């Protein structure tokens, strides 16, 4: 089966900033993304967990986008406009897709 190059971009962000991030992605012309809740993790500030939290306000979310390589910079610029002043991690990975017209 023929595959095509793409970029997988994952953005981990504080849950209260999620709408601001997805709005920025929409304005940048990103045609699709998936949002997942983050249940727990460990990082620079140590271990943390959503366990026992009453609301998602203190939680984190991850937004996963797959785009054509020539669209990655536009997406990254939009994401960074939100993440640069807040807690967040942005990673970029090369990947392969089967239906490139979707990305």
PDB file of N, CA and C in Angstrom:
ATOM      1  N   UNK A   1       0.836  -1.170   0.000  1.00  0.00           N
ATOM      2  CA  UNK A   1       0.000   0.000   0.000  1.00  0.00           C
ATOM      3  C   UNK A   1       0.890   1.245   0.000  1.00  0.00           C
ATOM      4  N   UNK A   2       0.534   2.207  -0.804  1.00  0.00           N
ATOM      5  CA  UNK A   2       1.320   3.432  -0.913  1.00  0.00           C
ATOM      6  C   UNK A   2       1.019   4.351   0.270  1.00  0.00           C
ATOM      7  N   UNK A   3       2.080   4.894   0.873  1.00  0.00           N
ATOM      8  CA  UNK A   3       1.918   5.863   1.953  1.00  0.00           C
ATOM      9  C   UNK A   3       2.554   7.193   1.551  1.00  0.00           C
ATOM     10  N   UNK A   4       2.189   8.231   2.294  1.00  0.00           N
ATOM     11  CA  UNK A   4       2.636   9.581   1.972  1.00  0.00           C
ATOM     12  C   UNK A   4       3.147  10.254   3.236  1.00  0.00           C
ATOM     13  N   UNK A   5       4.178  11.092   3.086  1.00  0.00           N
ATOM     14  CA  UNK A   5       4.761  11.788   4.224  1.00  0.00           C
ATOM     15  C   UNK A   5       3.770  12.776   4.830  1.00  0.00           C
ATOM     16  N   UNK A   6       3.802  12.875   6.158  1.00  0.00           N
ATOM     17  CA  UNK A   6       2.987  13.844   6.889  1.00  0.00           C
ATOM     18  C   UNK A   6       3.714  14.181   8.182  1.00  0.00           C
ATOM     19  N   UNK A   7       3.198  15.147   8.900  1.00  0.00           N
ATOM     20  CA  UNK A   7       3.726  15.536  10.211  1.00  0.00           C
ATOM     21  C   UNK A   7       2.632  15.331  11.248  1.00  0.00           C
ATOM     22  N   UNK A   8       3.005  14.705  12.369  1.00  0.00           N
ATOM     23  CA  UNK A   8       2.090  14.541  13.502  1.00  0.00           C
ATOM     24  C   UNK A   8       2.549  15.535  14.562  1.00  0.00           C
ATOM     25  N   UNK A   9       1.670  16.438  14.920  1.00  0.00           N
ATOM     26  CA  UNK A   9       1.993  17.467  15.899  1.00  0.00           C
ATOM     27  C   UNK A   9       1.096  17.262  17.110  1.00  0.00           C
ATOM     28  N   UNK A  10       1.735  17.133  18.269  1.00  0.00           N
ATOM     29  CA  UNK A  10       1.005  16.948  19.523  1.00  0.00           C
ATOM     30  C   UNK A  10       1.253  18.157  20.407  1.00  0.00           C
ATOM     31  N   UNK A  11       0.185  18.690  20.953  1.00  0.00           N
ATOM     32  CA  UNK A  11       0.263  19.869  21.811  1.00  0.00           C
ATOM     33  C   UNK A  11      -0.388  19.509  23.145  1.00  0.00           C
ATOM     34  N   UNK A  12       0.401  19.519  24.200  1.00  0.00           N
ATOM     35  CA  UNK A  12      -0.121  19.295  25.546  1.00  0.00           C
ATOM     36  C   UNK A  12      -0.306  20.673  26.168  1.00  0.00           C
ATOM     37  N   UNK A  13      -1.515  20.940  26.653  1.00  0.00           N
ATOM     38  CA  UNK A  13      -1.836  22.285  27.130  1.00  0.00           C
ATOM     39  C   UNK A  13      -2.771  22.219  28.328  1.00  0.00           C
ATOM     40  N   UNK A  14      -2.770  23.260  29.137  1.00  0.00           N
ATOM     41  CA  UNK A  14      -3.691  23.349  30.258  1.00  0.00           C
ATOM     42  C   UNK A  14      -5.130  23.380  29.724  1.00  0.00           C
ATOM     43  N   UNK A  15      -5.998  22.610  30.328  1.00  0.00           N
ATOM     44  CA  UNK A  15      -7.380  22.486  29.853  1.00  0.00           C
ATOM     45  C   UNK A  15      -8.102  23.825  29.683  1.00  0.00           C
ATOM     46  N   UNK A  16      -7.926  24.803  30.569  1.00  0.00           N
ATOM     47  CA  UNK A  16      -8.639  26.070  30.368  1.00  0.00           C
ATOM     48  C   UNK A  16      -8.232  26.821  29.093  1.00  0.00           C
ATOM     49  N   UNK A  17      -7.092  26.483  28.500  1.00  0.00           N
ATOM     50  CA  UNK A  17      -6.632  27.141  27.284  1.00  0.00           C
ATOM     51  C   UNK A  17      -7.013  26.385  26.015  1.00  0.00           C
ATOM     52  N   UNK A  18      -7.707  25.271  26.164  1.00  0.00           N
ATOM     53  CA  UNK A  18      -8.017  24.412  25.020  1.00  0.00           C
ATOM     54  C   UNK A  18      -8.821  25.151  23.949  1.00  0.00           C
ATOM     55  N   UNK A  19      -9.846  25.881  24.337  1.00  0.00           N
ATOM     56  CA  UNK A  19     -10.663  26.600  23.342  1.00  0.00           C
ATOM     57  C   UNK A  19      -9.833  27.649  22.607  1.00  0.00           C
ATOM     58  N   UNK A  20      -8.946  28.323  23.322  1.00  0.00           N
ATOM     59  CA  UNK A  20      -8.090  29.318  22.679  1.00  0.00           C
ATOM     60  C   UNK A  20      -7.178  28.653  21.647  1.00  0.00           C
ATOM     61  N   UNK A  21      -6.659  27.472  21.985  1.00  0.00           N
ATOM     62  CA  UNK A  21      -5.793  26.743  21.057  1.00  0.00           C
ATOM     63  C   UNK A  21      -6.571  26.270  19.833  1.00  0.00           C
ATOM     64  N   UNK A  22      -7.717  25.645  20.035  1.00  0.00           N
ATOM     65  CA  UNK A  22      -8.470  25.129  18.885  1.00  0.00           C
ATOM     66  C   UNK A  22      -8.979  26.276  18.005  1.00  0.00           C
ATOM     67  N   UNK A  23      -9.311  27.418  18.609  1.00  0.00           N
ATOM     68  CA  UNK A  23      -9.690  28.587  17.803  1.00  0.00           C
ATOM     69  C   UNK A  23      -8.513  29.042  16.936  1.00  0.00           C
ATOM     70  N   UNK A  24      -7.310  29.071  17.509  1.00  0.00           N
ATOM     71  CA  UNK A  24      -6.112  29.468  16.756  1.00  0.00           C
ATOM     72  C   UNK A  24      -5.842  28.489  15.616  1.00  0.00           C
ATOM     73  N   UNK A  25      -6.021  27.189  15.871  1.00  0.00           N
ATOM     74  CA  UNK A  25      -5.823  26.187  14.823  1.00  0.00           C
ATOM     75  C   UNK A  25      -6.853  26.358  13.709  1.00  0.00           C
ATOM     76  N   UNK A  26      -8.109  26.598  14.092  1.00  0.00           N
ATOM     77  CA  UNK A  26      -9.161  26.823  13.092  1.00  0.00           C
ATOM     78  C   UNK A  26      -8.831  28.035  12.219  1.00  0.00           C
ATOM     79  N   UNK A  27      -8.419  29.140  12.851  1.00  0.00           N
ATOM     80  CA  UNK A  27      -8.070  30.351  12.092  1.00  0.00           C
ATOM     81  C   UNK A  27      -6.876  30.113  11.169  1.00  0.00           C
ATOM     82  N   UNK A  28      -5.983  29.191  11.554  1.00  0.00           N
ATOM     83  CA  UNK A  28      -4.801  28.876  10.737  1.00  0.00           C
ATOM     84  C   UNK A  28      -5.132  27.921   9.594  1.00  0.00           C
ATOM     85  N   UNK A  29      -6.393  27.465   9.527  1.00  0.00           N
ATOM     86  CA  UNK A  29      -6.801  26.582   8.440  1.00  0.00           C
ATOM     87  C   UNK A  29      -6.546  25.107   8.683  1.00  0.00           C
ATOM     88  N   UNK A  30      -6.284  24.731   9.933  1.00  0.00           N
ATOM     89  CA  UNK A  30      -6.111  23.315  10.262  1.00  0.00           C
ATOM     90  C   UNK A  30      -7.476  22.646  10.106  1.00  0.00           C
ATOM     91  N   UNK A  31      -7.537  21.612   9.287  1.00  0.00           N
ATOM     92  CA  UNK A  31      -8.830  21.006   8.957  1.00  0.00           C
ATOM     93  C   UNK A  31      -9.267  19.899   9.904  1.00  0.00           C
ATOM     94  N   UNK A  32      -8.387  19.459  10.779  1.00  0.00           N
ATOM     95  CA  UNK A  32      -8.778  18.414  11.704  1.00  0.00           C
ATOM     96  C   UNK A  32      -7.782  18.241  12.832  1.00  0.00           C
ATOM     97  N   UNK A  33      -8.289  17.828  13.964  1.00  0.00           N
ATOM     98  CA  UNK A  33      -7.458  17.521  15.120  1.00  0.00           C
ATOM     99  C   UNK A  33      -8.271  16.646  16.061  1.00  0.00           C
ATOM    100  N   UNK A  34      -7.596  16.002  16.980  1.00  0.00           N
ATOM    101  CA  UNK A  34      -8.232  15.174  17.991  1.00  0.00           C
ATOM    102  C   UNK A  34      -7.803  15.688  19.357  1.00  0.00           C
ATOM    103  N   UNK A  35      -8.754  15.802  20.278  1.00  0.00           N
ATOM    104  CA  UNK A  35      -8.473  16.265  21.633  1.00  0.00           C
ATOM    105  C   UNK A  35      -8.658  15.096  22.592  1.00  0.00           C
ATOM    106  N   UNK A  36      -7.648  14.883  23.424  1.00  0.00           N
ATOM    107  CA  UNK A  36      -7.683  13.798  24.405  1.00  0.00           C
ATOM    108  C   UNK A  36      -7.418  14.351  25.800  1.00  0.00           C
ATOM    109  N   UNK A  37      -8.092  13.821  26.828  1.00  0.00           N
ATOM    110  CA  UNK A  37      -7.788  14.257  28.192  1.00  0.00           C
ATOM    111  C   UNK A  37      -6.469  13.630  28.647  1.00  0.00           C
ATOM    112  N   UNK A  38      -5.741  14.354  29.470  1.00  0.00           N
ATOM    113  CA  UNK A  38      -4.517  13.829  30.066  1.00  0.00           C
ATOM    114  C   UNK A  38      -4.856  13.501  31.511  1.00  0.00           C
ATOM    115  N   UNK A  39      -4.648  12.251  31.905  1.00  0.00           N
ATOM    116  CA  UNK A  39      -5.046  11.810  33.241  1.00  0.00           C
ATOM    117  C   UNK A  39      -3.991  12.066  34.303  1.00  0.00           C
ATOM    118  N   UNK A  40      -2.730  11.978  33.924  1.00  0.00           N
ATOM    119  CA  UNK A  40      -1.637  12.163  34.879  1.00  0.00           C
ATOM    120  C   UNK A  40      -0.348  12.333  34.101  1.00  0.00           C
ATOM    121  N   UNK A  41       0.696  12.732  34.811  1.00  0.00           N
ATOM    122  CA  UNK A  41       1.979  12.871  34.149  1.00  0.00           C
ATOM    123  C   UNK A  41       3.076  13.242  35.120  1.00  0.00           C
ATOM    124  N   UNK A  42       4.217  13.460  34.564  1.00  0.00           N
ATOM    125  CA  UNK A  42       5.366  13.871  35.347  1.00  0.00           C
ATOM    126  C   UNK A  42       6.218  14.763  34.467  1.00  0.00           C
ATOM    127  N   UNK A  43       6.739  15.808  35.033  1.00  0.00           N
ATOM    128  CA  UNK A  43       7.551  16.732  34.258  1.00  0.00           C
ATOM    129  C   UNK A  43       8.447  17.553  35.146  1.00  0.00           C
ATOM    130  N   UNK A  44       8.796  18.720  34.686  1.00  0.00           N
ATOM    131  CA  UNK A  44       9.715  19.616  35.373  1.00  0.00           C
ATOM    132  C   UNK A  44       9.281  19.903  36.816  1.00  0.00           C
ATOM    133  N   UNK A  45       7.970  19.990  37.030  1.00  0.00           N
ATOM    134  CA  UNK A  45       7.446  20.291  38.370  1.00  0.00           C
ATOM    135  C   UNK A  45       7.133  19.047  39.186  1.00  0.00           C
ATOM    136  N   UNK A  46       7.435  17.872  38.653  1.00  0.00           N
ATOM    137  CA  UNK A  46       7.182  16.626  39.374  1.00  0.00           C
ATOM    138  C   UNK A  46       5.931  15.917  38.882  1.00  0.00           C
ATOM    139  N   UNK A  47       5.486  14.935  39.647  1.00  0.00           N
ATOM    140  CA  UNK A  47       4.312  14.133  39.296  1.00  0.00           C
ATOM    141  C   UNK A  47       3.029  14.913  39.588  1.00  0.00           C
ATOM    142  N   UNK A  48       2.000  14.670  38.769  1.00  0.00           N
ATOM    143  CA  UNK A  48       0.695  15.249  39.023  1.00  0.00           C
ATOM    144  C   UNK A  48      -0.372  14.292  38.518  1.00  0.00           C
ATOM    145  N   UNK A  49      -1.594  14.460  38.997  1.00  0.00           N
ATOM    146  CA  UNK A  49      -2.699  13.604  38.593  1.00  0.00           C
ATOM    147  C   UNK A  49      -4.003  14.373  38.691  1.00  0.00           C
ATOM    148  N   UNK A  50      -4.956  14.020  37.842  1.00  0.00           N
ATOM    149  CA  UNK A  50      -6.287  14.623  37.922  1.00  0.00           C
ATOM    150  C   UNK A  50      -7.130  13.946  38.995  1.00  0.00           C
ATOM    151  N   UNK A  51      -6.621  12.869  39.547  1.00  0.00           N
ATOM    152  CA  UNK A  51      -7.374  12.128  40.555  1.00  0.00           C
ATOM    153  C   UNK A  51      -7.784  13.050  41.703  1.00  0.00           C
ATOM    154  N   UNK A  52      -9.048  13.034  42.037  1.00  0.00           N
ATOM    155  CA  UNK A  52      -9.558  13.841  43.130  1.00  0.00           C
ATOM    156  C   UNK A  52      -9.936  15.260  42.745  1.00  0.00           C
ATOM    157  N   UNK A  53      -9.660  15.680  41.523  1.00  0.00           N
ATOM    158  CA  UNK A  53     -10.036  17.029  41.105  1.00  0.00           C
ATOM    159  C   UNK A  53     -11.528  17.073  40.803  1.00  0.00           C
ATOM    160  N   UNK A  54     -12.179  18.109  41.237  1.00  0.00           N
ATOM    161  CA  UNK A  54     -13.616  18.249  41.035  1.00  0.00           C
ATOM    162  C   UNK A  54     -13.926  18.663  39.596  1.00  0.00           C
ATOM    163  N   UNK A  55     -13.077  19.495  39.008  1.00  0.00           N
ATOM    164  CA  UNK A  55     -13.317  19.955  37.641  1.00  0.00           C
ATOM    165  C   UNK A  55     -12.085  19.704  36.786  1.00  0.00           C
ATOM    166  N   UNK A  56     -12.245  19.906  35.486  1.00  0.00           N
ATOM    167  CA  UNK A  56     -11.122  19.736  34.563  1.00  0.00           C
ATOM    168  C   UNK A  56     -10.246  20.982  34.511  1.00  0.00           C
ATOM    169  N   UNK A  57     -10.605  22.033  35.261  1.00  0.00           N
ATOM    170  CA  UNK A  57      -9.896  23.305  35.173  1.00  0.00           C
ATOM    171  C   UNK A  57      -8.409  23.171  35.500  1.00  0.00           C
ATOM    172  N   UNK A  58      -8.061  22.253  36.383  1.00  0.00           N
ATOM    173  CA  UNK A  58      -6.654  22.078  36.739  1.00  0.00           C
ATOM    174  C   UNK A  58      -5.977  21.020  35.913  1.00  0.00           C
ATOM    175  N   UNK A  59      -6.684  20.451  34.947  1.00  0.00           N
ATOM    176  CA  UNK A  59      -6.145  19.357  34.155  1.00  0.00           C
ATOM    177  C   UNK A  59      -5.434  19.812  32.901  1.00  0.00           C
ATOM    178  N   UNK A  60      -5.028  18.840  32.138  1.00  0.00           N
ATOM    179  CA  UNK A  60      -4.323  19.061  30.887  1.00  0.00           C
ATOM    180  C   UNK A  60      -5.061  18.312  29.782  1.00  0.00           C
ATOM    181  N   UNK A  61      -4.828  18.731  28.553  1.00  0.00           N
ATOM    182  CA  UNK A  61      -5.375  18.052  27.378  1.00  0.00           C
ATOM    183  C   UNK A  61      -4.267  17.953  26.347  1.00  0.00           C
ATOM    184  N   UNK A  62      -4.397  16.992  25.459  1.00  0.00           N
ATOM    185  CA  UNK A  62      -3.466  16.892  24.340  1.00  0.00           C
ATOM    186  C   UNK A  62      -4.272  17.006  23.043  1.00  0.00           C
ATOM    187  N   UNK A  63      -3.760  17.829  22.138  1.00  0.00           N
ATOM    188  CA  UNK A  63      -4.375  18.007  20.824  1.00  0.00           C
ATOM    189  C   UNK A  63      -3.433  17.376  19.808  1.00  0.00           C
ATOM    190  N   UNK A  64      -3.945  16.432  19.031  1.00  0.00           N
ATOM    191  CA  UNK A  64      -3.149  15.724  18.035  1.00  0.00           C
ATOM    192  C   UNK A  64      -3.613  16.159  16.650  1.00  0.00           C
ATOM    193  N   UNK A  65      -2.666  16.602  15.840  1.00  0.00           N
ATOM    194  CA  UNK A  65      -2.952  17.036  14.472  1.00  0.00           C
ATOM    195  C   UNK A  65      -2.031  16.285  13.521  1.00  0.00           C
ATOM    196  N   UNK A  66      -2.541  15.923  12.368  1.00  0.00           N
ATOM    197  CA  UNK A  66      -1.700  15.370  11.307  1.00  0.00           C
ATOM    198  C   UNK A  66      -1.906  16.258  10.094  1.00  0.00           C
ATOM    199  N   UNK A  67      -0.802  16.765   9.571  1.00  0.00           N
ATOM    200  CA  UNK A  67      -0.880  17.704   8.447  1.00  0.00           C
ATOM    201  C   UNK A  67       0.167  17.352   7.398  1.00  0.00           C
ATOM    202  N   UNK A  68      -0.057  17.850   6.199  1.00  0.00           N
ATOM    203  CA  UNK A  68       0.950  17.732   5.141  1.00  0.00           C
ATOM    204  C   UNK A  68       2.185  18.513   5.590  1.00  0.00           C
ATOM    205  N   UNK A  69       3.374  18.052   5.224  1.00  0.00           N
ATOM    206  CA  UNK A  69       4.605  18.720   5.674  1.00  0.00           C
ATOM    207  C   UNK A  69       4.646  20.215   5.383  1.00  0.00           C
ATOM    208  N   UNK A  70       4.104  20.642   4.270  1.00  0.00           N
ATOM    209  CA  UNK A  70       4.152  22.071   3.920  1.00  0.00           C
ATOM    210  C   UNK A  70       3.187  22.920   4.746  1.00  0.00           C
ATOM    211  N   UNK A  71       2.327  22.296   5.561  1.00  0.00           N
ATOM    212  CA  UNK A  71       1.391  23.027   6.425  1.00  0.00           C
ATOM    213  C   UNK A  71       1.835  23.059   7.882  1.00  0.00           C
ATOM    214  N   UNK A  72       2.911  22.353   8.196  1.00  0.00           N
ATOM    215  CA  UNK A  72       3.345  22.237   9.592  1.00  0.00           C
ATOM    216  C   UNK A  72       3.725  23.584  10.206  1.00  0.00           C
ATOM    217  N   UNK A  73       4.464  24.419   9.490  1.00  0.00           N
ATOM    218  CA  UNK A  73       4.892  25.705  10.054  1.00  0.00           C
ATOM    219  C   UNK A  73       3.710  26.600  10.406  1.00  0.00           C
ATOM    220  N   UNK A  74       2.685  26.603   9.578  1.00  0.00           N
ATOM    221  CA  UNK A  74       1.499  27.409   9.857  1.00  0.00           C
ATOM    222  C   UNK A  74       0.827  26.939  11.140  1.00  0.00           C
ATOM    223  N   UNK A  75       0.702  25.626  11.295  1.00  0.00           N
ATOM    224  CA  UNK A  75       0.098  25.060  12.497  1.00  0.00           C
ATOM    225  C   UNK A  75       0.950  25.377  13.716  1.00  0.00           C
ATOM    226  N   UNK A  76       2.261  25.214  13.608  1.00  0.00           N
ATOM    227  CA  UNK A  76       3.143  25.464  14.739  1.00  0.00           C
ATOM    228  C   UNK A  76       3.111  26.923  15.177  1.00  0.00           C
ATOM    229  N   UNK A  77       3.044  27.832  14.232  1.00  0.00           N
ATOM    230  CA  UNK A  77       2.963  29.253  14.565  1.00  0.00           C
ATOM    231  C   UNK A  77       1.681  29.544  15.335  1.00  0.00           C
ATOM    232  N   UNK A  78       0.569  28.979  14.901  1.00  0.00           N
ATOM    233  CA  UNK A  78      -0.711  29.165  15.588  1.00  0.00           C
ATOM    234  C   UNK A  78      -0.663  28.570  16.994  1.00  0.00           C
ATOM    235  N   UNK A  79      -0.118  27.376  17.117  1.00  0.00           N
ATOM    236  CA  UNK A  79      -0.039  26.720  18.427  1.00  0.00           C
ATOM    237  C   UNK A  79       0.871  27.501  19.374  1.00  0.00           C
ATOM    238  N   UNK A  80       2.002  27.945  18.858  1.00  0.00           N
ATOM    239  CA  UNK A  80       2.956  28.644  19.705  1.00  0.00           C
ATOM    240  C   UNK A  80       2.398  29.975  20.196  1.00  0.00           C
ATOM    241  N   UNK A  81       1.514  30.600  19.429  1.00  0.00           N
ATOM    242  CA  UNK A  81       0.920  31.869  19.861  1.00  0.00           C
ATOM    243  C   UNK A  81       0.118  31.689  21.146  1.00  0.00           C
ATOM    244  N   UNK A  82      -0.370  30.479  21.402  1.00  0.00           N
ATOM    245  CA  UNK A  82      -1.120  30.182  22.622  1.00  0.00           C
ATOM    246  C   UNK A  82      -0.206  29.611  23.700  1.00  0.00           C
ATOM    247  N   UNK A  83       0.670  28.708  23.322  1.00  0.00           N
ATOM    248  CA  UNK A  83       1.487  27.965  24.286  1.00  0.00           C
ATOM    249  C   UNK A  83       2.638  28.786  24.868  1.00  0.00           C
ATOM    250  N   UNK A  84       3.158  29.757  24.139  1.00  0.00           N
ATOM    251  CA  UNK A  84       4.392  30.430  24.543  1.00  0.00           C
ATOM    252  C   UNK A  84       4.357  31.054  25.930  1.00  0.00           C
ATOM    253  N   UNK A  85       3.208  31.499  26.401  1.00  0.00           N
ATOM    254  CA  UNK A  85       3.131  32.148  27.709  1.00  0.00           C
ATOM    255  C   UNK A  85       2.506  31.248  28.779  1.00  0.00           C
ATOM    256  N   UNK A  86       2.279  29.986  28.474  1.00  0.00           N
ATOM    257  CA  UNK A  86       1.598  29.094  29.399  1.00  0.00           C
ATOM    258  C   UNK A  86       2.306  27.746  29.458  1.00  0.00           C
ATOM    259  N   UNK A  87       1.828  26.897  30.352  1.00  0.00           N
ATOM    260  CA  UNK A  87       2.343  25.530  30.410  1.00  0.00           C
ATOM    261  C   UNK A  87       1.922  24.826  29.133  1.00  0.00           C
ATOM    262  N   UNK A  88       2.859  24.163  28.483  1.00  0.00           N
ATOM    263  CA  UNK A  88       2.520  23.432  27.269  1.00  0.00           C
ATOM    264  C   UNK A  88       3.741  22.828  26.624  1.00  0.00           C
ATOM    265  N   UNK A  89       3.523  21.766  25.925  1.00  0.00           N
ATOM    266  CA  UNK A  89       4.594  21.064  25.210  1.00  0.00           C
ATOM    267  C   UNK A  89       4.116  20.844  23.781  1.00  0.00           C
ATOM    268  N   UNK A  90       4.974  21.115  22.823  1.00  0.00           N
ATOM    269  CA  UNK A  90       4.655  20.889  21.420  1.00  0.00           C
ATOM    270  C   UNK A  90       5.707  19.946  20.858  1.00  0.00           C
ATOM    271  N   UNK A  91       5.260  18.858  20.252  1.00  0.00           N
ATOM    272  CA  UNK A  91       6.198  17.929  19.620  1.00  0.00           C
ATOM    273  C   UNK A  91       5.784  17.687  18.175  1.00  0.00           C
ATOM    274  N   UNK A  92       6.792  17.430  17.337  1.00  0.00           N
ATOM    275  CA  UNK A  92       6.576  17.178  15.916  1.00  0.00           C
ATOM    276  C   UNK A  92       7.251  15.865  15.559  1.00  0.00           C
ATOM    277  N   UNK A  93       6.510  15.005  14.898  1.00  0.00           N
ATOM    278  CA  UNK A  93       7.019  13.699  14.499  1.00  0.00           C
ATOM    279  C   UNK A  93       6.706  13.463  13.028  1.00  0.00           C
ATOM    280  N   UNK A  94       7.641  12.885  12.306  1.00  0.00           N
ATOM    281  CA  UNK A  94       7.359  12.464  10.937  1.00  0.00           C
ATOM    282  C   UNK A  94       6.464  11.232  10.991  1.00  0.00           C
ATOM    283  N   UNK A  95       5.491  11.165  10.098  1.00  0.00           N
ATOM    284  CA  UNK A  95       4.622   9.989  10.036  1.00  0.00           C
ATOM    285  C   UNK A  95       4.230   9.740   8.585  1.00  0.00           C
ATOM    286  N   UNK A  96       3.519   8.665   8.372  1.00  0.00           N
ATOM    287  CA  UNK A  96       3.031   8.274   7.056  1.00  0.00           C
ATOM    288  C   UNK A  96       1.512   8.156   7.128  1.00  0.00           C
ATOM    289  N   UNK A  97       0.833   8.587   6.062  1.00  0.00           N
ATOM    290  CA  UNK A  97      -0.616   8.455   5.983  1.00  0.00           C
ATOM    291  C   UNK A  97      -0.980   7.719   4.691  1.00  0.00           C
ATOM    292  N   UNK A  98      -2.141   7.105   4.702  1.00  0.00           N
ATOM    293  CA  UNK A  98      -2.599   6.355   3.544  1.00  0.00           C
ATOM    294  C   UNK A  98      -3.420   7.232   2.599  1.00  0.00           C
ATOM    295  N   UNK A  99      -4.185   8.159   3.154  1.00  0.00           N
ATOM    296  CA  UNK A  99      -5.046   9.040   2.334  1.00  0.00           C
ATOM    297  C   UNK A  99      -4.611  10.491   2.498  1.00  0.00           C
ATOM    298  N   UNK A 100      -3.633  10.947   1.728  1.00  0.00           N
ATOM    299  CA  UNK A 100      -3.072  12.281   1.922  1.00  0.00           C
ATOM    300  C   UNK A 100      -4.068  13.415   1.662  1.00  0.00           C
ATOM    301  N   UNK A 101      -5.089  13.179   0.888  1.00  0.00           N
ATOM    302  CA  UNK A 101      -6.056  14.235   0.586  1.00  0.00           C
ATOM    303  C   UNK A 101      -6.841  14.661   1.842  1.00  0.00           C
ATOM    304  N   UNK A 102      -6.791  13.871   2.887  1.00  0.00           N
ATOM    305  CA  UNK A 102      -7.491  14.192   4.127  1.00  0.00           C
ATOM    306  C   UNK A 102      -6.704  15.171   4.995  1.00  0.00           C
ATOM    307  N   UNK A 103      -5.439  15.404   4.643  1.00  0.00           N
ATOM    308  CA  UNK A 103      -4.577  16.204   5.508  1.00  0.00           C
ATOM    309  C   UNK A 103      -4.037  17.394   4.756  1.00  0.00           C
TER     310      UNK A 103
END
